[in-house]
Amino acid sequence: MNLSVKLALFLFASSVTLTTRAQDGQAVFERHCSACHGPGMNNAGTHQLTKTRGENMGVLEDRNNLVDVYVKTIVRQGLNAMPGFKPTQITDNELDALAAYLAD
């Protein structure tokens, strides 16, 4: 197999992995986070973030300033009214996918 074919296969596999990871992260968000952090001021987390951080900061999925380390820290430790989630609730793999999804 020549180098260009290997490179093409690698790039394809990488894009599939990134797409799968984003889908996994979105699924984790929907399962564990959207009830509080989904769009709409009826969601407690969205309401609180909008009130304390500003109008463009309330909906986590719409933000472009989140980094994976921050997401992981807040999910594990909690913040204010948000409880932390143990690895038995959100696994490390799920947390990695969630952080990649929100930081993307």
N, C-alpha and C. Protein backbone atom coordinates (compact mmCIF):
# COMPACT_ATOMS: atom_id res chain seq x y z
N MET A 1 0.85 -1.17 0.00
CA MET A 1 0.00 0.00 0.00
C MET A 1 0.90 1.23 0.00
N ASN A 2 0.65 2.15 -0.91
CA ASN A 2 1.54 3.31 -0.99
C ASN A 2 1.18 4.35 0.09
N LEU A 3 2.05 5.31 0.24
CA LEU A 3 1.93 6.30 1.31
C LEU A 3 0.67 7.14 1.18
N SER A 4 0.30 7.54 -0.01
CA SER A 4 -0.89 8.39 -0.17
C SER A 4 -2.17 7.64 0.21
N VAL A 5 -2.23 6.34 -0.07
CA VAL A 5 -3.40 5.54 0.32
C VAL A 5 -3.44 5.41 1.83
N LYS A 6 -2.29 5.17 2.45
CA LYS A 6 -2.23 5.06 3.91
C LYS A 6 -2.66 6.38 4.56
N LEU A 7 -2.19 7.49 4.02
CA LEU A 7 -2.55 8.78 4.56
C LEU A 7 -4.04 9.03 4.41
N ALA A 8 -4.61 8.70 3.27
CA ALA A 8 -6.04 8.88 3.05
C ALA A 8 -6.85 8.04 4.03
N LEU A 9 -6.44 6.80 4.25
CA LEU A 9 -7.13 5.92 5.21
C LEU A 9 -7.02 6.47 6.62
N PHE A 10 -5.86 6.98 6.99
CA PHE A 10 -5.65 7.55 8.31
C PHE A 10 -6.57 8.77 8.51
N LEU A 11 -6.61 9.65 7.53
CA LEU A 11 -7.44 10.85 7.64
C LEU A 11 -8.92 10.49 7.72
N PHE A 12 -9.33 9.50 6.94
CA PHE A 12 -10.72 9.05 6.99
C PHE A 12 -11.05 8.47 8.37
N ALA A 13 -10.17 7.62 8.87
CA ALA A 13 -10.39 7.02 10.19
C ALA A 13 -10.42 8.09 11.27
N SER A 14 -9.57 9.09 11.16
CA SER A 14 -9.54 10.17 12.14
C SER A 14 -10.84 10.96 12.11
N SER A 15 -11.36 11.23 10.93
CA SER A 15 -12.60 12.01 10.84
C SER A 15 -13.77 11.20 11.38
N VAL A 16 -13.78 9.89 11.14
CA VAL A 16 -14.83 9.04 11.69
C VAL A 16 -14.76 9.04 13.20
N THR A 17 -13.55 8.96 13.75
CA THR A 17 -13.38 8.97 15.21
C THR A 17 -13.87 10.28 15.79
N LEU A 18 -13.54 11.41 15.18
CA LEU A 18 -13.98 12.72 15.67
C LEU A 18 -15.49 12.85 15.59
N THR A 19 -16.08 12.37 14.50
CA THR A 19 -17.53 12.43 14.35
C THR A 19 -18.20 11.57 15.41
N THR A 20 -17.69 10.37 15.62
CA THR A 20 -18.24 9.47 16.62
C THR A 20 -18.11 10.08 18.01
N ARG A 21 -16.95 10.67 18.31
CA ARG A 21 -16.72 11.27 19.61
C ARG A 21 -17.70 12.43 19.84
N ALA A 22 -17.93 13.25 18.82
CA ALA A 22 -18.89 14.36 18.94
C ALA A 22 -20.30 13.82 19.18
N GLN A 23 -20.64 12.76 18.47
CA GLN A 23 -21.97 12.16 18.67
C GLN A 23 -22.08 11.57 20.07
N ASP A 24 -21.02 10.93 20.54
CA ASP A 24 -21.01 10.38 21.89
C ASP A 24 -21.15 11.50 22.92
N GLY A 25 -20.41 12.59 22.71
CA GLY A 25 -20.47 13.73 23.62
C GLY A 25 -21.86 14.36 23.64
N GLN A 26 -22.46 14.47 22.48
CA GLN A 26 -23.81 15.01 22.41
C GLN A 26 -24.79 14.10 23.16
N ALA A 27 -24.63 12.81 23.02
CA ALA A 27 -25.50 11.86 23.72
C ALA A 27 -25.32 11.98 25.24
N VAL A 28 -24.10 12.14 25.69
CA VAL A 28 -23.83 12.32 27.13
C VAL A 28 -24.50 13.62 27.60
N PHE A 29 -24.34 14.69 26.82
CA PHE A 29 -24.95 15.96 27.17
C PHE A 29 -26.47 15.81 27.28
N GLU A 30 -27.07 15.18 26.30
CA GLU A 30 -28.53 15.01 26.32
C GLU A 30 -28.98 14.20 27.53
N ARG A 31 -28.21 13.18 27.88
CA ARG A 31 -28.59 12.28 28.97
C ARG A 31 -28.38 12.92 30.34
N HIS A 32 -27.27 13.64 30.52
CA HIS A 32 -26.90 14.10 31.86
C HIS A 32 -26.99 15.62 32.07
N CYS A 33 -26.97 16.41 31.02
CA CYS A 33 -26.79 17.86 31.19
C CYS A 33 -27.95 18.70 30.68
N SER A 34 -28.64 18.24 29.65
CA SER A 34 -29.60 19.11 28.96
C SER A 34 -30.78 19.53 29.83
N ALA A 35 -31.15 18.74 30.83
CA ALA A 35 -32.28 19.13 31.68
C ALA A 35 -32.02 20.45 32.39
N CYS A 36 -30.77 20.72 32.72
CA CYS A 36 -30.41 21.99 33.37
C CYS A 36 -29.73 22.97 32.43
N HIS A 37 -29.01 22.46 31.44
CA HIS A 37 -28.19 23.32 30.58
C HIS A 37 -28.64 23.40 29.13
N GLY A 38 -29.81 22.89 28.83
CA GLY A 38 -30.34 23.01 27.48
C GLY A 38 -30.83 24.43 27.22
N PRO A 39 -31.19 24.73 25.98
CA PRO A 39 -31.68 26.07 25.65
C PRO A 39 -32.98 26.39 26.40
N GLY A 40 -33.17 27.64 26.72
CA GLY A 40 -34.40 28.08 27.38
C GLY A 40 -34.16 28.51 28.81
N MET A 41 -34.76 29.61 29.17
CA MET A 41 -34.57 30.14 30.51
C MET A 41 -35.29 29.33 31.58
N ASN A 42 -36.07 28.32 31.18
CA ASN A 42 -36.70 27.44 32.16
C ASN A 42 -35.72 26.41 32.70
N ASN A 43 -34.55 26.31 32.09
CA ASN A 43 -33.53 25.37 32.55
C ASN A 43 -32.64 26.11 33.56
N ALA A 44 -32.54 25.55 34.76
CA ALA A 44 -31.87 26.24 35.87
C ALA A 44 -30.43 26.63 35.56
N GLY A 45 -29.66 25.73 34.97
CA GLY A 45 -28.26 26.03 34.67
C GLY A 45 -28.13 27.12 33.62
N THR A 46 -28.95 27.06 32.59
CA THR A 46 -28.93 28.08 31.55
C THR A 46 -29.34 29.43 32.13
N HIS A 47 -30.36 29.43 32.95
CA HIS A 47 -30.82 30.66 33.59
C HIS A 47 -29.71 31.27 34.46
N GLN A 48 -29.10 30.44 35.29
CA GLN A 48 -28.05 30.93 36.19
C GLN A 48 -26.84 31.46 35.42
N LEU A 49 -26.40 30.73 34.40
CA LEU A 49 -25.24 31.19 33.62
C LEU A 49 -25.55 32.48 32.86
N THR A 50 -26.75 32.59 32.35
CA THR A 50 -27.14 33.83 31.65
C THR A 50 -27.14 35.00 32.63
N LYS A 51 -27.67 34.77 33.81
CA LYS A 51 -27.76 35.81 34.83
C LYS A 51 -26.37 36.24 35.34
N THR A 52 -25.48 35.28 35.54
CA THR A 52 -24.18 35.60 36.14
C THR A 52 -23.07 35.86 35.13
N ARG A 53 -23.15 35.24 33.95
CA ARG A 53 -22.06 35.35 32.97
C ARG A 53 -22.40 36.21 31.76
N GLY A 54 -23.69 36.42 31.53
CA GLY A 54 -24.08 37.24 30.38
C GLY A 54 -24.94 36.47 29.40
N GLU A 55 -25.62 37.23 28.56
CA GLU A 55 -26.60 36.65 27.65
C GLU A 55 -26.09 35.58 26.72
N ASN A 56 -24.89 35.71 26.23
CA ASN A 56 -24.34 34.75 25.27
C ASN A 56 -23.65 33.57 25.94
N MET A 57 -23.72 33.50 27.25
CA MET A 57 -23.00 32.46 27.98
C MET A 57 -23.91 31.40 28.59
N GLY A 58 -25.19 31.54 28.46
CA GLY A 58 -26.12 30.64 29.14
C GLY A 58 -26.21 29.24 28.56
N VAL A 59 -26.29 29.15 27.25
CA VAL A 59 -26.47 27.84 26.61
C VAL A 59 -25.10 27.25 26.30
N LEU A 60 -24.74 26.21 27.03
CA LEU A 60 -23.40 25.63 26.90
C LEU A 60 -23.07 25.20 25.48
N GLU A 61 -24.03 24.62 24.79
CA GLU A 61 -23.78 24.13 23.43
C GLU A 61 -23.51 25.25 22.44
N ASP A 62 -23.91 26.46 22.77
CA ASP A 62 -23.70 27.60 21.88
C ASP A 62 -22.41 28.36 22.18
N ARG A 63 -21.77 28.04 23.27
CA ARG A 63 -20.56 28.78 23.65
C ARG A 63 -19.36 28.34 22.83
N ASN A 64 -18.43 29.26 22.63
CA ASN A 64 -17.21 28.93 21.90
C ASN A 64 -15.96 29.22 22.74
N ASN A 65 -16.15 29.37 24.04
CA ASN A 65 -15.02 29.69 24.91
C ASN A 65 -14.76 28.60 25.95
N LEU A 66 -15.35 27.45 25.80
CA LEU A 66 -15.13 26.37 26.76
C LEU A 66 -13.92 25.53 26.34
N VAL A 67 -13.11 25.17 27.30
CA VAL A 67 -11.98 24.27 27.04
C VAL A 67 -12.23 22.97 27.80
N ASP A 68 -11.68 21.89 27.27
CA ASP A 68 -11.99 20.57 27.81
C ASP A 68 -11.61 20.42 29.28
N VAL A 69 -10.50 20.97 29.70
CA VAL A 69 -10.06 20.83 31.10
C VAL A 69 -11.07 21.49 32.03
N TYR A 70 -11.57 22.65 31.64
CA TYR A 70 -12.57 23.36 32.46
C TYR A 70 -13.85 22.53 32.56
N VAL A 71 -14.33 22.03 31.44
CA VAL A 71 -15.56 21.23 31.43
C VAL A 71 -15.38 20.02 32.36
N LYS A 72 -14.28 19.32 32.23
CA LYS A 72 -14.04 18.13 33.06
C LYS A 72 -13.99 18.48 34.54
N THR A 73 -13.34 19.58 34.88
CA THR A 73 -13.23 19.99 36.27
C THR A 73 -14.60 20.32 36.86
N ILE A 74 -15.39 21.10 36.14
CA ILE A 74 -16.71 21.47 36.65
C ILE A 74 -17.62 20.25 36.76
N VAL A 75 -17.56 19.36 35.78
CA VAL A 75 -18.40 18.17 35.84
C VAL A 75 -18.02 17.30 37.04
N ARG A 76 -16.75 17.12 37.29
CA ARG A 76 -16.33 16.28 38.42
C ARG A 76 -16.52 16.97 39.77
N GLN A 77 -16.23 18.26 39.87
CA GLN A 77 -16.26 18.94 41.17
C GLN A 77 -17.58 19.66 41.45
N GLY A 78 -18.32 19.99 40.39
CA GLY A 78 -19.52 20.77 40.56
C GLY A 78 -19.18 22.25 40.72
N LEU A 79 -20.19 23.08 40.71
CA LEU A 79 -20.00 24.52 40.89
C LEU A 79 -21.32 25.12 41.34
N ASN A 80 -21.27 25.83 42.44
CA ASN A 80 -22.47 26.44 43.02
C ASN A 80 -23.56 25.38 43.20
N ALA A 81 -24.72 25.57 42.58
CA ALA A 81 -25.84 24.63 42.76
C ALA A 81 -25.66 23.34 41.97
N MET A 82 -24.72 23.32 41.01
CA MET A 82 -24.52 22.12 40.20
C MET A 82 -23.68 21.10 40.98
N PRO A 83 -24.21 19.90 41.13
CA PRO A 83 -23.43 18.87 41.82
C PRO A 83 -22.32 18.32 40.92
N GLY A 84 -21.29 17.79 41.53
CA GLY A 84 -20.28 17.06 40.78
C GLY A 84 -20.80 15.68 40.41
N PHE A 85 -20.27 15.15 39.33
CA PHE A 85 -20.66 13.81 38.89
C PHE A 85 -19.49 12.86 39.09
N LYS A 86 -19.75 11.76 39.78
CA LYS A 86 -18.72 10.74 40.04
C LYS A 86 -18.49 9.90 38.79
N PRO A 87 -17.32 9.24 38.71
CA PRO A 87 -17.05 8.36 37.57
C PRO A 87 -18.06 7.21 37.43
N THR A 88 -18.78 6.90 38.48
CA THR A 88 -19.83 5.88 38.37
C THR A 88 -21.08 6.45 37.71
N GLN A 89 -21.18 7.78 37.65
CA GLN A 89 -22.33 8.43 37.01
C GLN A 89 -22.02 8.81 35.56
N ILE A 90 -20.86 9.41 35.35
CA ILE A 90 -20.35 9.75 34.02
C ILE A 90 -18.93 9.20 33.97
N THR A 91 -18.72 8.19 33.14
CA THR A 91 -17.40 7.56 33.09
C THR A 91 -16.36 8.54 32.55
N ASP A 92 -15.09 8.21 32.73
CA ASP A 92 -14.01 9.05 32.19
C ASP A 92 -14.11 9.15 30.67
N ASN A 93 -14.45 8.05 30.00
CA ASN A 93 -14.60 8.08 28.54
C ASN A 93 -15.77 8.97 28.13
N GLU A 94 -16.87 8.87 28.85
CA GLU A 94 -18.01 9.74 28.56
C GLU A 94 -17.65 11.21 28.81
N LEU A 95 -16.91 11.46 29.88
CA LEU A 95 -16.50 12.83 30.20
C LEU A 95 -15.57 13.38 29.14
N ASP A 96 -14.66 12.55 28.64
CA ASP A 96 -13.79 12.98 27.55
C ASP A 96 -14.61 13.37 26.32
N ALA A 97 -15.61 12.56 25.99
CA ALA A 97 -16.45 12.85 24.83
C ALA A 97 -17.28 14.11 25.06
N LEU A 98 -17.82 14.27 26.27
CA LEU A 98 -18.60 15.46 26.59
C LEU A 98 -17.75 16.72 26.49
N ALA A 99 -16.55 16.66 27.07
CA ALA A 99 -15.65 17.82 27.05
C ALA A 99 -15.26 18.18 25.62
N ALA A 100 -14.99 17.16 24.81
CA ALA A 100 -14.65 17.42 23.39
C ALA A 100 -15.84 18.03 22.67
N TYR A 101 -17.03 17.56 22.95
CA TYR A 101 -18.23 18.09 22.31
C TYR A 101 -18.46 19.55 22.66
N LEU A 102 -18.36 19.89 23.95
CA LEU A 102 -18.62 21.27 24.37
C LEU A 102 -17.48 22.21 24.03
N ALA A 103 -16.26 21.70 23.98
CA ALA A 103 -15.10 22.56 23.68
C ALA A 103 -14.89 22.71 22.18
N ASP A 104 -15.62 21.94 21.40
CA ASP A 104 -15.45 21.98 19.94
C ASP A 104 -15.94 23.28 19.34
